Amino acid sequence: MLLTEIVTVEERDGVTFVGVDTGWNQACERFVYGDPLTIVPVAAADAPPAGVVTVAGHINEGDDLFGEDLPMPAVAEGDVLAILNVGSYNASMWSEHCLRPPAGSVAFADRTDP
């Protein structure tokens, strides 16, 4: 998963935008392939939706969107979102677009599959 912090929540023309501190260069499946991403707030993953949002990245391009019209619980600046199932595939596809550095990685050597 890719963890990202919410840096802004604002409404424009009836759309609630949730801006995050990462961009399509870290998780490009939706940008490149149009694949939907599962995005949940870390502190409230099982909370009921409060409305729908568009999650936007920090690269100033119109297509830097992780999801549109996503059901989402109430979120605020400083909350952390988890973009699920991106894994090492996205790490290998990382791009230095706009001089953005790669996301850090954490691995747990003591974890094994059952």
C-alpha atoms as a PDB file:
ATOM      1  CA  MET A   1       0.000   0.000   0.000  1.00  0.00           C
ATOM      2  CA  LEU A   2       0.979   3.613  -0.432  1.00  0.00           C
ATOM      3  CA  LEU A   3       0.343   5.905   2.531  1.00  0.00           C
ATOM      4  CA  THR A   4      -0.279   9.560   1.764  1.00  0.00           C
ATOM      5  CA  GLU A   5      -1.189  12.570   3.891  1.00  0.00           C
ATOM      6  CA  ILE A   6      -4.139  14.806   3.083  1.00  0.00           C
ATOM      7  CA  VAL A   7      -2.867  18.350   2.551  1.00  0.00           C
ATOM      8  CA  THR A   8      -6.121  20.020   1.537  1.00  0.00           C
ATOM      9  CA  VAL A   9      -9.861  19.409   1.476  1.00  0.00           C
ATOM     10  CA  GLU A  10     -11.848  21.889  -0.570  1.00  0.00           C
ATOM     11  CA  GLU A  11     -14.997  22.164  -2.618  1.00  0.00           C
ATOM     12  CA  ARG A  12     -14.966  23.516  -6.161  1.00  0.00           C
ATOM     13  CA  ASP A  13     -18.040  23.657  -8.370  1.00  0.00           C
ATOM     14  CA  GLY A  14     -19.848  21.132  -6.171  1.00  0.00           C
ATOM     15  CA  VAL A  15     -16.956  18.633  -6.120  1.00  0.00           C
ATOM     16  CA  THR A  16     -15.061  17.904  -2.900  1.00  0.00           C
ATOM     17  CA  PHE A  17     -11.374  17.553  -3.689  1.00  0.00           C
ATOM     18  CA  VAL A  18      -9.039  15.777  -1.286  1.00  0.00           C
ATOM     19  CA  GLY A  19      -5.480  16.767  -2.156  1.00  0.00           C
ATOM     20  CA  VAL A  20      -2.656  14.474  -1.071  1.00  0.00           C
ATOM     21  CA  ASP A  21       1.122  14.752  -0.781  1.00  0.00           C
ATOM     22  CA  THR A  22       1.904  12.263  -3.536  1.00  0.00           C
ATOM     23  CA  GLY A  23       1.287  12.118  -7.263  1.00  0.00           C
ATOM     24  CA  TRP A  24       0.699   9.768 -10.152  1.00  0.00           C
ATOM     25  CA  ASN A  25       4.454   9.208 -10.402  1.00  0.00           C
ATOM     26  CA  GLN A  26       4.264   7.073  -7.226  1.00  0.00           C
ATOM     27  CA  ALA A  27       1.192   5.002  -8.131  1.00  0.00           C
ATOM     28  CA  CYS A  28       0.498   5.292 -11.829  1.00  0.00           C
ATOM     29  CA  GLU A  29      -2.039   2.522 -12.492  1.00  0.00           C
ATOM     30  CA  ARG A  30      -5.004   4.869 -12.759  1.00  0.00           C
ATOM     31  CA  PHE A  31      -3.029   7.509 -14.661  1.00  0.00           C
ATOM     32  CA  VAL A  32      -1.587   5.050 -17.189  1.00  0.00           C
ATOM     33  CA  TYR A  33      -4.191   2.254 -17.374  1.00  0.00           C
ATOM     34  CA  GLY A  34      -7.358   3.808 -15.959  1.00  0.00           C
ATOM     35  CA  ASP A  35      -7.491   1.085 -13.299  1.00  0.00           C
ATOM     36  CA  PRO A  36      -9.571   1.973 -10.244  1.00  0.00           C
ATOM     37  CA  LEU A  37      -7.735   2.209  -6.926  1.00  0.00           C
ATOM     38  CA  THR A  38      -9.064   1.327  -3.482  1.00  0.00           C
ATOM     39  CA  ILE A  39      -8.459   4.271  -1.153  1.00  0.00           C
ATOM     40  CA  VAL A  40      -9.349   4.272   2.549  1.00  0.00           C
ATOM     41  CA  PRO A  41      -8.664   6.628   5.448  1.00  0.00           C
ATOM     42  CA  VAL A  42      -6.259   4.841   7.789  1.00  0.00           C
ATOM     43  CA  ALA A  43      -7.916   6.003  11.027  1.00  0.00           C
ATOM     44  CA  ALA A  44     -11.456   5.296   9.805  1.00  0.00           C
ATOM     45  CA  ALA A  45     -11.229   2.479   7.257  1.00  0.00           C
ATOM     46  CA  ASP A  46     -14.565   0.993   8.344  1.00  0.00           C
ATOM     47  CA  ALA A  47     -16.446   4.282   8.853  1.00  0.00           C
ATOM     48  CA  PRO A  48     -19.548   4.847   6.731  1.00  0.00           C
ATOM     49  CA  PRO A  49     -19.255   7.270   3.824  1.00  0.00           C
ATOM     50  CA  ALA A  50     -20.104  10.915   4.538  1.00  0.00           C
ATOM     51  CA  GLY A  51     -20.119  11.806   0.835  1.00  0.00           C
ATOM     52  CA  VAL A  52     -18.128  11.413  -2.346  1.00  0.00           C
ATOM     53  CA  VAL A  53     -14.729  12.942  -3.079  1.00  0.00           C
ATOM     54  CA  THR A  54     -12.133  13.226  -5.797  1.00  0.00           C
ATOM     55  CA  VAL A  55      -8.623  12.370  -4.581  1.00  0.00           C
ATOM     56  CA  ALA A  56      -6.056  14.532  -6.376  1.00  0.00           C
ATOM     57  CA  GLY A  57      -2.271  14.254  -6.399  1.00  0.00           C
ATOM     58  CA  HIS A  58       0.336  16.965  -5.951  1.00  0.00           C
ATOM     59  CA  ILE A  59       1.552  17.101  -9.540  1.00  0.00           C
ATOM     60  CA  ASN A  60      -0.032  20.040 -11.308  1.00  0.00           C
ATOM     61  CA  GLU A  61      -1.665  18.075 -14.114  1.00  0.00           C
ATOM     62  CA  GLY A  62      -5.356  17.507 -14.691  1.00  0.00           C
ATOM     63  CA  ASP A  63      -4.954  13.731 -14.912  1.00  0.00           C
ATOM     64  CA  ASP A  64      -3.218  13.446 -11.509  1.00  0.00           C
ATOM     65  CA  LEU A  65      -6.321  11.937  -9.922  1.00  0.00           C
ATOM     66  CA  PHE A  66      -6.323   8.777  -7.826  1.00  0.00           C
ATOM     67  CA  GLY A  67     -10.097   8.495  -7.896  1.00  0.00           C
ATOM     68  CA  GLU A  68     -13.269  10.411  -8.695  1.00  0.00           C
ATOM     69  CA  ASP A  69     -16.666  10.178  -6.997  1.00  0.00           C
ATOM     70  CA  LEU A  70     -15.260   7.895  -4.293  1.00  0.00           C
ATOM     71  CA  PRO A  71     -17.469   7.239  -1.253  1.00  0.00           C
ATOM     72  CA  MET A  72     -15.418   8.493   1.709  1.00  0.00           C
ATOM     73  CA  PRO A  73     -15.945   9.103   5.430  1.00  0.00           C
ATOM     74  CA  ALA A  74     -15.340  12.642   6.646  1.00  0.00           C
ATOM     75  CA  VAL A  75     -11.623  13.443   6.277  1.00  0.00           C
ATOM     76  CA  ALA A  76      -9.483  16.461   7.138  1.00  0.00           C
ATOM     77  CA  GLU A  77      -6.054  17.888   6.455  1.00  0.00           C
ATOM     78  CA  GLY A  78      -3.417  15.805   8.231  1.00  0.00           C
ATOM     79  CA  ASP A  79      -5.372  12.535   7.924  1.00  0.00           C
ATOM     80  CA  VAL A  80      -3.590   9.650   6.211  1.00  0.00           C
ATOM     81  CA  LEU A  81      -5.071   7.704   3.305  1.00  0.00           C
ATOM     82  CA  ALA A  82      -4.001   4.221   2.262  1.00  0.00           C
ATOM     83  CA  ILE A  83      -3.990   3.479  -1.451  1.00  0.00           C
ATOM     84  CA  LEU A  84      -4.282  -0.304  -1.396  1.00  0.00           C
ATOM     85  CA  ASN A  85      -2.731  -2.994  -3.579  1.00  0.00           C
ATOM     86  CA  VAL A  86      -0.088  -0.845  -5.264  1.00  0.00           C
ATOM     87  CA  GLY A  87       2.943  -2.760  -3.980  1.00  0.00           C
ATOM     88  CA  SER A  88       6.276  -3.270  -5.655  1.00  0.00           C
ATOM     89  CA  TYR A  89       4.860  -2.980  -9.175  1.00  0.00           C
ATOM     90  CA  ASN A  90       4.336   0.721  -8.620  1.00  0.00           C
ATOM     91  CA  ALA A  91       7.740   1.113  -6.996  1.00  0.00           C
ATOM     92  CA  SER A  92       9.294  -0.313 -10.160  1.00  0.00           C
ATOM     93  CA  MET A  93       7.275   2.080 -12.337  1.00  0.00           C
ATOM     94  CA  TRP A  94       8.154   5.185 -10.286  1.00  0.00           C
ATOM     95  CA  SER A  95       8.973   8.270 -12.313  1.00  0.00           C
ATOM     96  CA  GLU A  96      11.031  11.316 -11.314  1.00  0.00           C
ATOM     97  CA  HIS A  97       8.447  13.519 -13.025  1.00  0.00           C
ATOM     98  CA  CYS A  98       8.600  17.130 -11.758  1.00  0.00           C
ATOM     99  CA  LEU A  99      11.687  16.139  -9.717  1.00  0.00           C
ATOM    100  CA  ARG A 100       9.505  14.271  -7.210  1.00  0.00           C
ATOM    101  CA  PRO A 101      11.541  11.717  -5.196  1.00  0.00           C
ATOM    102  CA  PRO A 102      10.418   8.083  -4.884  1.00  0.00           C
ATOM    103  CA  ALA A 103       8.240   6.998  -1.993  1.00  0.00           C
ATOM    104  CA  GLY A 104      10.049   5.290   0.855  1.00  0.00           C
ATOM    105  CA  SER A 105       9.564   1.563   1.275  1.00  0.00           C
ATOM    106  CA  VAL A 106       9.130  -0.534   4.381  1.00  0.00           C
ATOM    107  CA  ALA A 107       9.504  -4.322   4.348  1.00  0.00           C
ATOM    108  CA  PHE A 108       8.891  -6.738   7.207  1.00  0.00           C
ATOM    109  CA  ALA A 109      11.343  -9.641   7.019  1.00  0.00           C
ATOM    110  CA  ASP A 110       9.672 -11.423   9.944  1.00  0.00           C
ATOM    111  CA  ARG A 111       6.321 -11.669   8.157  1.00  0.00           C
ATOM    112  CA  THR A 112       5.512 -14.779   6.176  1.00  0.00           C
ATOM    113  CA  ASP A 113       2.441 -15.902   4.294  1.00  0.00           C
ATOM    114  CA  PRO A 114       0.367 -18.539   6.082  1.00  0.00           C
END
